[in-house]
Every structure is written in C-alpha cells, then in structure tokens.
N, C-alpha and C. Protein backbone atom coordinates (compact mmCIF):
# COMPACT_ATOMS: atom_id res chain seq x y z
N UNK A 1 58.32 56.14 150.03
CA UNK A 1 58.36 56.88 148.75
C UNK A 1 59.67 56.56 148.04
N UNK A 2 59.57 56.22 146.79
CA UNK A 2 60.76 55.86 146.01
C UNK A 2 61.60 57.11 145.73
N UNK A 3 62.91 56.99 145.75
CA UNK A 3 63.77 58.14 145.42
C UNK A 3 63.55 58.58 143.97
N UNK A 4 63.68 59.89 143.69
CA UNK A 4 63.40 60.38 142.33
C UNK A 4 64.36 59.83 141.28
N UNK A 5 65.58 59.47 141.70
CA UNK A 5 66.55 58.94 140.74
C UNK A 5 67.05 57.59 141.24
N UNK A 6 67.25 56.70 140.33
CA UNK A 6 67.81 55.40 140.68
C UNK A 6 69.30 55.54 140.96
N UNK A 7 69.87 54.55 141.64
CA UNK A 7 71.31 54.59 141.94
C UNK A 7 72.17 54.66 140.67
N UNK A 8 71.86 53.90 139.63
CA UNK A 8 72.65 54.04 138.39
C UNK A 8 72.59 55.45 137.81
N UNK A 9 71.40 56.08 137.88
CA UNK A 9 71.27 57.44 137.33
C UNK A 9 72.11 58.43 138.13
N UNK A 10 72.08 58.28 139.46
CA UNK A 10 72.90 59.16 140.32
C UNK A 10 74.38 58.97 140.01
N UNK A 11 74.79 57.73 139.80
CA UNK A 11 76.19 57.45 139.48
C UNK A 11 76.59 58.11 138.17
N UNK A 12 75.71 58.02 137.18
CA UNK A 12 76.00 58.64 135.88
C UNK A 12 76.16 60.15 136.02
N UNK A 13 75.27 60.78 136.81
CA UNK A 13 75.34 62.24 137.02
C UNK A 13 76.65 62.61 137.70
N UNK A 14 77.03 61.84 138.71
CA UNK A 14 78.28 62.12 139.43
C UNK A 14 79.49 61.99 138.50
N UNK A 15 79.47 60.93 137.70
CA UNK A 15 80.59 60.74 136.76
C UNK A 15 80.65 61.87 135.73
N UNK A 16 79.47 62.31 135.28
CA UNK A 16 79.43 63.41 134.30
C UNK A 16 79.99 64.69 134.90
N UNK A 17 79.63 64.96 136.17
CA UNK A 17 80.14 66.16 136.83
C UNK A 17 81.65 66.07 137.03
N UNK A 18 82.12 64.88 137.40
CA UNK A 18 83.56 64.71 137.56
C UNK A 18 84.29 64.90 136.23
N UNK A 19 83.68 64.42 135.14
CA UNK A 19 84.29 64.58 133.82
C UNK A 19 84.38 66.05 133.44
N UNK A 20 83.27 66.79 133.68
CA UNK A 20 83.26 68.23 133.38
C UNK A 20 84.33 68.95 134.20
N UNK A 21 84.43 68.61 135.49
CA UNK A 21 85.44 69.22 136.35
C UNK A 21 86.83 68.89 135.85
N UNK A 22 87.04 67.64 135.44
CA UNK A 22 88.35 67.24 134.94
C UNK A 22 88.73 67.99 133.68
N UNK A 23 87.75 68.18 132.77
CA UNK A 23 88.01 68.92 131.52
C UNK A 23 88.36 70.37 131.83
N UNK A 24 87.64 70.97 132.79
CA UNK A 24 87.91 72.36 133.16
C UNK A 24 89.31 72.51 133.74
N UNK A 25 89.70 71.59 134.62
CA UNK A 25 91.04 71.64 135.21
C UNK A 25 92.10 71.46 134.13
N UNK A 26 91.87 70.52 133.21
CA UNK A 26 92.83 70.28 132.14
C UNK A 26 92.97 71.50 131.23
N UNK A 27 91.83 72.17 130.95
CA UNK A 27 91.87 73.37 130.09
C UNK A 27 92.69 74.47 130.73
N UNK A 28 92.50 74.68 132.05
CA UNK A 28 93.28 75.70 132.76
C UNK A 28 94.76 75.34 132.74
N UNK A 29 95.06 74.06 132.95
CA UNK A 29 96.46 73.62 132.96
C UNK A 29 97.12 73.83 131.61
N UNK A 30 96.39 73.51 130.54
CA UNK A 30 96.93 73.69 129.19
C UNK A 30 97.16 75.17 128.91
N UNK A 31 96.20 76.01 129.31
CA UNK A 31 96.36 77.45 129.07
C UNK A 31 97.57 78.00 129.81
N UNK A 32 97.77 77.57 131.05
CA UNK A 32 98.93 78.03 131.82
C UNK A 32 100.21 77.52 131.18
N UNK A 33 100.19 76.28 130.69
CA UNK A 33 101.38 75.72 130.05
C UNK A 33 101.72 76.47 128.78
N UNK A 34 100.67 76.85 128.00
CA UNK A 34 100.90 77.56 126.76
C UNK A 34 101.54 78.92 127.01
N UNK A 35 101.19 79.55 128.14
CA UNK A 35 101.70 80.89 128.43
C UNK A 35 102.98 80.87 129.26
N UNK A 36 103.49 79.69 129.56
CA UNK A 36 104.72 79.58 130.33
C UNK A 36 105.92 79.80 129.42
N UNK A 37 106.84 80.70 129.75
CA UNK A 37 108.01 80.90 128.91
C UNK A 37 108.81 79.62 128.78
N UNK A 38 109.13 79.24 127.53
CA UNK A 38 110.00 78.10 127.29
C UNK A 38 110.73 78.35 125.97
N UNK A 39 112.01 78.09 126.00
CA UNK A 39 112.85 78.34 124.84
C UNK A 39 112.72 79.79 124.35
N UNK A 40 112.53 80.70 125.28
CA UNK A 40 112.46 82.12 124.91
C UNK A 40 111.08 82.60 124.50
N UNK A 41 110.09 81.70 124.40
CA UNK A 41 108.76 82.12 123.98
C UNK A 41 108.09 82.89 125.12
N UNK A 42 107.45 84.01 124.76
CA UNK A 42 106.75 84.87 125.72
C UNK A 42 107.70 85.49 126.75
N UNK A 43 108.97 85.49 126.47
CA UNK A 43 109.95 86.03 127.40
C UNK A 43 110.55 87.29 126.78
N UNK A 44 110.31 88.44 127.40
CA UNK A 44 110.85 89.69 126.87
C UNK A 44 112.37 89.66 126.88
N UNK A 45 112.96 90.18 125.82
CA UNK A 45 114.41 90.20 125.68
C UNK A 45 114.94 91.57 126.10
N UNK A 46 115.94 91.58 126.97
CA UNK A 46 116.54 92.84 127.40
C UNK A 46 117.31 93.48 126.25
N UNK A 47 117.11 94.76 126.07
CA UNK A 47 117.76 95.50 125.00
C UNK A 47 118.55 96.67 125.59
N UNK A 48 119.49 97.23 124.83
CA UNK A 48 120.23 98.41 125.31
C UNK A 48 119.31 99.59 125.64
N UNK A 49 118.20 99.66 124.89
CA UNK A 49 117.15 100.66 125.16
C UNK A 49 115.83 99.91 125.21
N UNK A 50 115.02 100.18 126.22
CA UNK A 50 113.74 99.48 126.38
C UNK A 50 112.76 99.98 125.33
N UNK A 51 112.88 99.42 124.13
CA UNK A 51 112.07 99.87 123.00
C UNK A 51 110.68 99.23 123.05
N UNK A 52 109.66 100.03 122.87
CA UNK A 52 108.29 99.54 122.90
C UNK A 52 107.68 99.55 121.50
N UNK A 53 107.46 98.37 120.94
CA UNK A 53 106.73 98.29 119.69
C UNK A 53 105.28 98.75 119.88
N UNK A 54 104.74 98.51 121.07
CA UNK A 54 103.36 98.94 121.33
C UNK A 54 103.22 100.44 121.15
N UNK A 55 104.19 101.19 121.68
CA UNK A 55 104.13 102.64 121.57
C UNK A 55 104.37 103.10 120.13
N UNK A 56 105.43 102.58 119.53
CA UNK A 56 105.82 103.06 118.21
C UNK A 56 104.91 102.55 117.09
N UNK A 57 104.72 101.22 117.05
CA UNK A 57 103.90 100.64 115.97
C UNK A 57 102.42 100.69 116.29
N UNK A 58 102.06 100.42 117.56
CA UNK A 58 100.65 100.38 117.93
C UNK A 58 100.04 101.75 118.13
N UNK A 59 100.58 102.51 119.08
CA UNK A 59 99.99 103.81 119.41
C UNK A 59 100.27 104.87 118.34
N UNK A 60 101.53 104.93 117.86
CA UNK A 60 101.90 105.97 116.89
C UNK A 60 101.71 105.54 115.45
N UNK A 61 101.52 104.23 115.22
CA UNK A 61 101.25 103.75 113.86
C UNK A 61 102.43 103.84 112.91
N UNK A 62 103.64 103.77 113.42
CA UNK A 62 104.82 103.85 112.56
C UNK A 62 104.93 102.57 111.74
N UNK A 63 105.12 102.71 110.45
CA UNK A 63 105.24 101.59 109.53
C UNK A 63 106.47 100.75 109.88
N UNK A 64 106.31 99.42 109.83
CA UNK A 64 107.42 98.50 110.13
C UNK A 64 108.67 98.85 109.32
N UNK A 65 108.46 99.25 108.06
CA UNK A 65 109.58 99.47 107.15
C UNK A 65 110.38 100.72 107.48
N UNK A 66 109.83 101.59 108.33
CA UNK A 66 110.57 102.79 108.69
C UNK A 66 111.84 102.43 109.46
N UNK A 67 111.74 101.43 110.32
CA UNK A 67 112.91 100.98 111.09
C UNK A 67 113.57 99.75 110.48
N UNK A 68 112.75 98.84 109.96
CA UNK A 68 113.28 97.62 109.34
C UNK A 68 113.31 97.85 107.84
N UNK A 69 114.30 98.61 107.41
CA UNK A 69 114.30 99.19 106.07
C UNK A 69 114.47 98.18 104.94
N UNK A 70 115.07 97.03 105.22
CA UNK A 70 115.38 96.09 104.13
C UNK A 70 114.47 94.88 104.11
N UNK A 71 113.38 94.91 104.86
CA UNK A 71 112.55 93.72 105.02
C UNK A 71 111.94 93.24 103.69
N UNK A 72 111.72 94.16 102.74
CA UNK A 72 111.11 93.79 101.46
C UNK A 72 112.13 93.43 100.39
N UNK A 73 113.41 93.70 100.65
CA UNK A 73 114.39 93.54 99.58
C UNK A 73 115.65 92.79 100.00
N UNK A 74 115.62 92.21 101.19
CA UNK A 74 116.81 91.52 101.68
C UNK A 74 116.41 90.36 102.58
N UNK A 75 117.32 89.42 102.74
CA UNK A 75 117.07 88.31 103.64
C UNK A 75 116.99 88.75 105.08
N UNK A 76 117.62 89.88 105.39
CA UNK A 76 117.64 90.42 106.75
C UNK A 76 116.73 91.63 106.83
N UNK A 77 115.85 91.66 107.82
CA UNK A 77 114.88 92.75 107.91
C UNK A 77 115.54 94.09 108.19
N UNK A 78 116.72 94.06 108.82
CA UNK A 78 117.40 95.29 109.18
C UNK A 78 117.03 95.77 110.57
N UNK A 79 118.02 96.23 111.30
CA UNK A 79 117.79 96.79 112.63
C UNK A 79 117.92 98.31 112.53
N UNK A 80 117.16 99.04 113.30
CA UNK A 80 117.19 100.50 113.17
C UNK A 80 118.55 101.08 113.55
N UNK A 81 119.05 101.94 112.70
CA UNK A 81 120.32 102.62 112.98
C UNK A 81 120.09 103.77 113.96
N UNK A 82 121.17 104.28 114.50
CA UNK A 82 121.07 105.44 115.39
C UNK A 82 120.44 106.62 114.66
N UNK A 83 120.79 106.77 113.39
CA UNK A 83 120.23 107.87 112.60
C UNK A 83 118.73 107.79 112.46
N UNK A 84 118.22 106.58 112.26
CA UNK A 84 116.76 106.41 112.14
C UNK A 84 116.08 106.80 113.45
N UNK A 85 116.63 106.36 114.56
CA UNK A 85 116.03 106.71 115.85
C UNK A 85 116.07 108.22 116.08
N UNK A 86 117.18 108.84 115.69
CA UNK A 86 117.34 110.27 115.91
C UNK A 86 116.49 111.12 114.97
N UNK A 87 115.96 110.51 113.93
CA UNK A 87 115.07 111.29 113.05
C UNK A 87 113.86 111.79 113.83
N UNK A 88 113.53 111.10 114.92
CA UNK A 88 112.48 111.58 115.83
C UNK A 88 113.08 112.09 117.14
N UNK A 89 114.01 111.32 117.69
CA UNK A 89 114.47 111.58 119.05
C UNK A 89 115.60 112.60 119.15
N UNK A 90 115.91 113.26 118.06
CA UNK A 90 116.76 114.45 118.18
C UNK A 90 115.93 115.62 118.70
N UNK A 91 114.60 115.44 118.67
CA UNK A 91 113.68 116.47 119.16
C UNK A 91 112.79 115.95 120.30
N UNK A 92 112.34 114.71 120.18
CA UNK A 92 111.39 114.17 121.15
C UNK A 92 112.10 113.45 122.29
N UNK A 93 111.67 113.74 123.51
CA UNK A 93 112.22 113.09 124.72
C UNK A 93 113.75 113.19 124.75
N UNK A 94 114.24 114.34 124.38
CA UNK A 94 115.68 114.54 124.22
C UNK A 94 116.45 114.30 125.52
N UNK A 95 115.85 114.64 126.64
CA UNK A 95 116.55 114.54 127.92
C UNK A 95 116.18 113.28 128.71
N UNK A 96 115.50 112.36 128.08
CA UNK A 96 115.09 111.15 128.79
C UNK A 96 116.30 110.28 129.12
N UNK A 97 116.48 109.89 130.38
CA UNK A 97 117.61 109.00 130.74
C UNK A 97 117.56 107.67 129.98
N UNK A 98 116.36 107.22 129.62
CA UNK A 98 116.24 105.94 128.90
C UNK A 98 116.90 106.00 127.53
N UNK A 99 117.02 107.22 126.97
CA UNK A 99 117.61 107.37 125.64
C UNK A 99 119.08 107.75 125.68
N UNK A 100 119.68 107.71 126.87
CA UNK A 100 121.10 108.05 126.98
C UNK A 100 121.97 107.17 126.07
N UNK A 101 121.72 105.84 125.97
CA UNK A 101 122.54 105.03 125.05
C UNK A 101 122.43 105.47 123.60
N UNK A 102 121.29 106.00 123.21
CA UNK A 102 121.11 106.48 121.84
C UNK A 102 122.00 107.68 121.56
N UNK A 103 122.00 108.63 122.47
CA UNK A 103 122.80 109.84 122.26
C UNK A 103 124.29 109.55 122.41
N UNK A 104 124.64 108.59 123.25
CA UNK A 104 126.03 108.17 123.36
C UNK A 104 126.49 107.52 122.05
N UNK A 105 125.61 106.75 121.44
CA UNK A 105 125.92 106.14 120.15
C UNK A 105 126.17 107.21 119.09
N UNK A 106 125.35 108.27 119.12
CA UNK A 106 125.53 109.35 118.15
C UNK A 106 126.85 110.08 118.37
N UNK A 107 127.23 110.27 119.65
CA UNK A 107 128.49 110.97 119.95
C UNK A 107 129.71 110.13 119.59
N UNK A 108 129.64 108.85 119.90
CA UNK A 108 130.82 108.00 119.73
C UNK A 108 130.94 107.39 118.34
N UNK A 109 129.81 107.32 117.64
CA UNK A 109 129.82 106.67 116.34
C UNK A 109 129.72 105.15 116.43
N UNK A 110 129.57 104.63 117.64
CA UNK A 110 129.43 103.18 117.82
C UNK A 110 127.94 102.81 117.74
N UNK A 111 127.59 101.85 116.90
CA UNK A 111 126.18 101.50 116.75
C UNK A 111 125.62 100.85 118.01
N UNK A 112 124.34 100.96 118.17
CA UNK A 112 123.65 100.29 119.28
C UNK A 112 123.58 98.80 118.97
N UNK A 113 123.94 97.98 119.93
CA UNK A 113 123.93 96.53 119.72
C UNK A 113 122.59 95.95 120.17
N UNK A 114 121.60 96.06 119.27
CA UNK A 114 120.30 95.49 119.55
C UNK A 114 120.41 93.96 119.60
N UNK A 115 119.64 93.35 120.45
CA UNK A 115 119.63 91.89 120.58
C UNK A 115 118.50 91.34 119.73
N UNK A 116 118.83 90.42 118.82
CA UNK A 116 117.80 89.85 117.95
C UNK A 116 116.88 88.93 118.75
N UNK A 117 115.60 89.17 118.63
CA UNK A 117 114.61 88.36 119.34
C UNK A 117 114.31 87.09 118.54
N UNK A 118 114.20 87.22 117.24
CA UNK A 118 113.94 86.09 116.35
C UNK A 118 115.26 85.74 115.65
N UNK A 119 116.04 84.94 116.32
CA UNK A 119 117.39 84.64 115.84
C UNK A 119 117.48 83.16 115.49
N UNK A 120 117.58 82.86 114.20
CA UNK A 120 117.65 81.48 113.75
C UNK A 120 119.08 80.97 113.76
N UNK A 121 119.27 79.66 113.92
CA UNK A 121 120.63 79.10 113.87
C UNK A 121 121.27 79.33 112.50
N UNK A 122 122.58 79.28 112.46
CA UNK A 122 123.30 79.53 111.20
C UNK A 122 123.01 78.47 110.14
N UNK A 123 122.59 77.28 110.55
CA UNK A 123 122.34 76.23 109.56
C UNK A 123 120.96 76.34 108.91
N UNK A 124 120.20 77.37 109.29
CA UNK A 124 118.87 77.59 108.69
C UNK A 124 118.96 78.72 107.67
N UNK A 125 118.51 78.45 106.47
CA UNK A 125 118.48 79.47 105.42
C UNK A 125 117.09 80.11 105.42
N UNK A 126 117.05 81.40 105.70
CA UNK A 126 115.78 82.12 105.76
C UNK A 126 115.96 83.50 105.17
N UNK A 127 114.99 83.93 104.36
CA UNK A 127 115.02 85.27 103.80
C UNK A 127 113.69 85.96 104.03
N UNK A 128 113.76 87.17 104.60
CA UNK A 128 112.54 87.94 104.85
C UNK A 128 111.85 88.34 103.55
N UNK A 129 112.63 88.79 102.58
CA UNK A 129 112.01 89.39 101.40
C UNK A 129 111.10 88.41 100.66
N UNK A 130 111.52 87.16 100.51
CA UNK A 130 110.68 86.22 99.77
C UNK A 130 109.37 85.97 100.50
N UNK A 131 109.42 85.92 101.83
CA UNK A 131 108.19 85.70 102.60
C UNK A 131 107.25 86.91 102.49
N UNK A 132 107.79 88.10 102.67
CA UNK A 132 106.97 89.31 102.61
C UNK A 132 106.36 89.47 101.21
N UNK A 133 107.17 89.24 100.18
CA UNK A 133 106.69 89.43 98.81
C UNK A 133 105.79 88.31 98.31
N UNK A 134 105.71 87.24 99.08
CA UNK A 134 104.77 86.16 98.77
C UNK A 134 103.53 86.24 99.66
N UNK A 135 103.37 87.34 100.37
CA UNK A 135 102.13 87.55 101.12
C UNK A 135 102.10 87.01 102.53
N UNK A 136 103.26 86.64 103.08
CA UNK A 136 103.29 86.17 104.47
C UNK A 136 103.34 87.40 105.38
N UNK A 137 102.32 87.60 106.17
CA UNK A 137 102.22 88.79 107.01
C UNK A 137 103.20 88.73 108.16
N UNK A 138 103.66 89.89 108.61
CA UNK A 138 104.58 89.99 109.74
C UNK A 138 104.03 89.24 110.96
N UNK A 139 102.71 89.37 111.17
CA UNK A 139 102.10 88.80 112.37
C UNK A 139 102.16 87.28 112.38
N UNK A 140 102.31 86.65 111.21
CA UNK A 140 102.38 85.18 111.14
C UNK A 140 103.54 84.65 111.98
N UNK A 141 104.67 85.33 111.93
CA UNK A 141 105.86 84.86 112.66
C UNK A 141 106.14 85.67 113.92
N UNK A 142 105.84 86.96 113.89
CA UNK A 142 106.23 87.84 114.99
C UNK A 142 105.12 88.09 115.99
N UNK A 143 103.90 87.67 115.67
CA UNK A 143 102.80 87.92 116.59
C UNK A 143 102.40 89.39 116.62
N UNK A 144 101.58 89.75 117.58
CA UNK A 144 101.06 91.12 117.68
C UNK A 144 102.09 92.03 118.34
N UNK A 145 103.15 92.35 117.61
CA UNK A 145 104.18 93.22 118.17
C UNK A 145 103.64 94.59 118.51
N UNK A 146 102.54 94.97 117.85
CA UNK A 146 101.94 96.27 118.14
C UNK A 146 101.30 96.32 119.52
N UNK A 147 101.27 95.18 120.21
CA UNK A 147 100.74 95.12 121.57
C UNK A 147 101.83 94.77 122.59
N UNK A 148 103.09 94.78 122.16
CA UNK A 148 104.19 94.38 123.04
C UNK A 148 104.96 95.59 123.56
N UNK A 149 104.86 95.89 124.84
CA UNK A 149 105.67 96.99 125.40
C UNK A 149 107.17 96.65 125.35
N UNK A 150 107.51 95.38 125.50
CA UNK A 150 108.83 94.86 125.21
C UNK A 150 108.62 93.68 124.27
N UNK A 151 109.62 93.36 123.48
CA UNK A 151 109.42 92.38 122.42
C UNK A 151 109.80 90.98 122.87
N UNK A 152 108.92 90.03 122.54
CA UNK A 152 109.19 88.63 122.83
C UNK A 152 108.74 87.78 121.64
N UNK A 153 109.18 86.53 121.63
CA UNK A 153 108.75 85.60 120.59
C UNK A 153 107.43 84.96 120.98
N UNK A 154 106.57 84.78 119.99
CA UNK A 154 105.33 84.05 120.20
C UNK A 154 105.34 82.71 119.49
N UNK A 155 106.41 82.42 118.76
CA UNK A 155 106.52 81.16 118.02
C UNK A 155 107.84 80.49 118.39
N UNK A 156 107.84 79.17 118.32
CA UNK A 156 109.04 78.42 118.70
C UNK A 156 110.17 78.59 117.70
N UNK A 157 109.82 78.82 116.43
CA UNK A 157 110.78 78.88 115.32
C UNK A 157 111.49 77.54 115.10
N UNK A 158 110.95 76.49 115.69
CA UNK A 158 111.52 75.17 115.48
C UNK A 158 111.08 74.63 114.12
N UNK A 159 111.76 73.59 113.64
CA UNK A 159 111.54 73.09 112.29
C UNK A 159 110.08 72.70 112.05
N UNK A 160 109.48 71.98 113.00
CA UNK A 160 108.10 71.54 112.80
C UNK A 160 107.14 72.72 112.70
N UNK A 161 107.46 73.80 113.40
CA UNK A 161 106.61 74.99 113.32
C UNK A 161 106.68 75.58 111.91
N UNK A 162 107.89 75.68 111.36
CA UNK A 162 108.05 76.20 110.00
C UNK A 162 107.38 75.27 108.98
N UNK A 163 107.58 73.97 109.15
CA UNK A 163 106.99 73.02 108.22
C UNK A 163 105.47 73.06 108.26
N UNK A 164 104.91 73.33 109.42
CA UNK A 164 103.46 73.43 109.53
C UNK A 164 102.90 74.49 108.59
N UNK A 165 103.62 75.58 108.43
CA UNK A 165 103.20 76.64 107.50
C UNK A 165 103.50 76.24 106.06
N UNK A 166 104.67 75.67 105.82
CA UNK A 166 105.06 75.30 104.45
C UNK A 166 104.16 74.20 103.88
N UNK A 167 103.60 73.37 104.74
CA UNK A 167 102.72 72.30 104.25
C UNK A 167 101.37 72.85 103.78
N UNK A 168 100.99 73.99 104.30
CA UNK A 168 99.70 74.59 103.95
C UNK A 168 99.90 76.05 103.56
N UNK A 169 100.93 76.29 102.75
CA UNK A 169 101.34 77.66 102.44
C UNK A 169 100.22 78.57 101.92
N UNK A 170 99.37 78.11 100.99
CA UNK A 170 98.33 79.04 100.48
C UNK A 170 97.40 79.57 101.57
N UNK A 171 97.26 78.84 102.66
CA UNK A 171 96.37 79.28 103.74
C UNK A 171 97.03 80.31 104.66
N UNK A 172 98.31 80.59 104.45
CA UNK A 172 99.04 81.50 105.34
C UNK A 172 99.48 82.78 104.63
N UNK A 173 98.91 83.06 103.48
CA UNK A 173 99.28 84.28 102.77
C UNK A 173 98.10 85.24 102.73
N UNK A 174 98.44 86.50 102.46
CA UNK A 174 97.44 87.57 102.39
C UNK A 174 97.70 88.39 101.14
N UNK A 175 96.76 89.22 100.75
CA UNK A 175 97.07 90.22 99.72
C UNK A 175 98.21 91.11 100.21
N UNK A 176 99.04 91.59 99.31
CA UNK A 176 100.20 92.41 99.71
C UNK A 176 99.78 93.63 100.51
N UNK A 177 98.58 94.14 100.25
CA UNK A 177 98.11 95.33 100.98
C UNK A 177 97.85 95.03 102.46
N UNK A 178 97.78 93.75 102.83
CA UNK A 178 97.49 93.37 104.20
C UNK A 178 98.70 92.79 104.93
N UNK A 179 99.83 92.70 104.25
CA UNK A 179 100.99 92.01 104.83
C UNK A 179 101.49 92.70 106.10
N UNK A 180 101.45 94.02 106.14
CA UNK A 180 101.98 94.76 107.29
C UNK A 180 100.93 95.00 108.37
N UNK A 181 99.70 94.62 108.10
CA UNK A 181 98.62 94.88 109.06
C UNK A 181 98.72 93.93 110.24
N UNK A 182 98.56 94.48 111.44
CA UNK A 182 98.55 93.68 112.66
C UNK A 182 97.12 93.28 113.05
N UNK A 183 96.15 93.88 112.42
CA UNK A 183 94.76 93.63 112.80
C UNK A 183 94.36 92.21 112.42
N UNK A 184 93.51 91.57 113.22
CA UNK A 184 93.03 90.24 112.86
C UNK A 184 92.32 90.27 111.51
N UNK A 185 92.56 89.26 110.70
CA UNK A 185 91.96 89.19 109.38
C UNK A 185 90.94 88.06 109.33
N UNK A 186 89.89 88.26 108.58
CA UNK A 186 88.91 87.19 108.41
C UNK A 186 89.55 86.05 107.62
N UNK A 187 89.12 84.82 107.85
CA UNK A 187 89.66 83.70 107.08
C UNK A 187 89.37 83.88 105.59
N UNK A 188 90.31 83.51 104.76
CA UNK A 188 90.13 83.60 103.32
C UNK A 188 89.19 82.50 102.84
N UNK A 189 88.41 82.82 101.83
CA UNK A 189 87.56 81.80 101.23
C UNK A 189 88.43 80.87 100.37
N UNK A 190 87.95 79.66 100.09
CA UNK A 190 88.74 78.75 99.22
C UNK A 190 89.10 79.40 97.88
N UNK A 191 88.20 80.19 97.32
CA UNK A 191 88.50 80.84 96.04
C UNK A 191 89.61 81.88 96.20
N UNK A 192 89.57 82.64 97.30
CA UNK A 192 90.63 83.62 97.55
C UNK A 192 91.97 82.93 97.74
N UNK A 193 91.97 81.80 98.42
CA UNK A 193 93.21 81.03 98.60
C UNK A 193 93.76 80.61 97.24
N UNK A 194 92.89 80.11 96.36
CA UNK A 194 93.33 79.68 95.03
C UNK A 194 93.87 80.87 94.22
N UNK A 195 93.21 82.02 94.34
CA UNK A 195 93.65 83.20 93.60
C UNK A 195 95.04 83.65 94.05
N UNK A 196 95.26 83.68 95.38
CA UNK A 196 96.56 84.10 95.89
C UNK A 196 97.64 83.07 95.55
N UNK A 197 97.27 81.80 95.57
CA UNK A 197 98.20 80.75 95.18
C UNK A 197 98.70 80.99 93.76
N UNK A 198 97.77 81.31 92.86
CA UNK A 198 98.15 81.58 91.46
C UNK A 198 98.92 82.89 91.35
N UNK A 199 98.48 83.91 92.09
CA UNK A 199 99.13 85.23 92.01
C UNK A 199 100.59 85.15 92.44
N UNK A 200 100.85 84.48 93.55
CA UNK A 200 102.21 84.42 94.08
C UNK A 200 103.04 83.29 93.48
N UNK A 201 102.37 82.43 92.70
CA UNK A 201 103.06 81.28 92.10
C UNK A 201 103.81 80.49 93.17
N UNK A 202 103.07 80.13 94.19
CA UNK A 202 103.66 79.40 95.30
C UNK A 202 104.17 78.04 94.83
N UNK A 203 105.29 77.64 95.38
CA UNK A 203 105.85 76.34 95.03
C UNK A 203 105.01 75.23 95.64
N UNK A 204 105.20 74.04 95.13
CA UNK A 204 104.43 72.90 95.61
C UNK A 204 104.82 72.57 97.05
N UNK A 205 103.94 71.82 97.72
CA UNK A 205 104.23 71.40 99.09
C UNK A 205 105.51 70.58 99.15
N UNK A 206 105.72 69.71 98.16
CA UNK A 206 106.95 68.90 98.14
C UNK A 206 108.19 69.77 98.08
N UNK A 207 108.13 70.82 97.27
CA UNK A 207 109.28 71.72 97.15
C UNK A 207 109.49 72.53 98.42
N UNK A 208 108.40 73.02 99.01
CA UNK A 208 108.51 73.86 100.20
C UNK A 208 108.94 73.08 101.43
N UNK A 209 108.73 71.77 101.42
CA UNK A 209 109.12 70.96 102.58
C UNK A 209 110.38 70.15 102.31
N UNK A 210 111.00 70.38 101.16
CA UNK A 210 112.25 69.70 100.86
C UNK A 210 113.36 70.22 101.78
N UNK A 211 114.22 69.35 102.25
CA UNK A 211 115.28 69.75 103.18
C UNK A 211 116.11 70.92 102.65
N UNK A 212 116.39 70.89 101.33
CA UNK A 212 117.28 71.90 100.74
C UNK A 212 116.66 73.29 100.69
N UNK A 213 115.35 73.38 100.93
CA UNK A 213 114.70 74.70 100.93
C UNK A 213 115.20 75.56 102.09
N UNK A 214 115.40 74.95 103.23
CA UNK A 214 115.82 75.70 104.42
C UNK A 214 117.24 75.36 104.90
N UNK A 215 117.81 74.30 104.35
CA UNK A 215 119.17 73.89 104.75
C UNK A 215 120.03 73.78 103.50
N UNK A 216 120.92 74.75 103.32
CA UNK A 216 121.72 74.79 102.08
C UNK A 216 123.21 74.77 102.41
C-alpha cells in the first residue's frame, strides 16, 4: 500500500511546522525584549514618597492639572508642591508612615525633591504647553500613568522617537477635550485628521523636523 503522502509532501509539512515554531519563538523573544527595562524604560523610579498615579489619577480620577498646574501654560508641567498634597492629606491618611516626608516638608519648609521620570537633556528644547495646546495627549508620551502604581517611562525619549511623531504630527493629535483622557481612542478618520491639522495650524513636516525646532 502506498503511503498517503509522498516524501516531498512530508518534507514540506515538516518545514512549515518548523517555520511556525520559529515564528512563535521569535514573537515571544521580541515581546520579552520589548518589556525588558533599558535606558530607564519600564523601570519604576524611586521617589521620596511612593506616589501612585494609579490610585490618584486612575482610581480617584484626579485631573492631571491639579498637581501639574502649569502643563497648559508653561514649558514645564510643574511638580506638586507640599501645599497641593496637603490639600487632601492634611485630613486623609494623616498618620501614615509613608507620608512622613510630606509632613516633615510642611514643618521644615523644605520642598520635597521629586525625581523627574521624563527628564530630557539640557540640549533639548521642549515645552509642554505647545504640545498640550496642539492636541498632543498626555498618554502619547507618558503612557497609561493611570495604571502605574509607581511611575516609569514607556518611551525612549530619544531623538528618533520624537521625530517619528513630528514626521506624522496630524496623526498624533486629538480634540482638546480628549487631551487629558487616558482611555484608548478610536483612530481618527482622514477627514478628522485634516480638520485637526487646520484647527491647530500645525507646522509643516520640514519645519517640525528641522534641527532648530528642538535644538536651540
């Protein structure tokens, strides 16, 4: 009785299975590599107080601007002052040992030295206000901070990463009403992209990728 499959057919099946296995192994390896901390990405930064954006922004729904008061009007988003923290924590969790540095700051008058997670080199010119007012959502650069019990970077902040956005700027903006939203957004239609491009009067790709835009 002849075998149901010829030797060439069996060889093809074996090669196909090996290819599928190889693709699966490669996919797992890439996923693990993507989630491996490098250059500070996905690595929680130690702070004087273990502040949870997940609790404050995610669970309690506190607006980003409550703590980052200058994000819409200054190049620097602003770090929360002791007074801002005490607007809640003069009453809430008053005796928590985790908040001892906060109350010591209030007693001594010395500000809390928060560590910047998204810290660009001095030779990079960057302003928060222009990005926010042009419809660039917080989540574009900071990721889902509303899901971070401790804060880490999700983007490299390297030049090519920034240029990737500047080359396709109209595709990375939202209506101003959605800029602070952490929720996933549906992709914009081509017409919506054109409308926002006109609304924000976005500069040309040549201008946005010119060296002098970020290095002055």
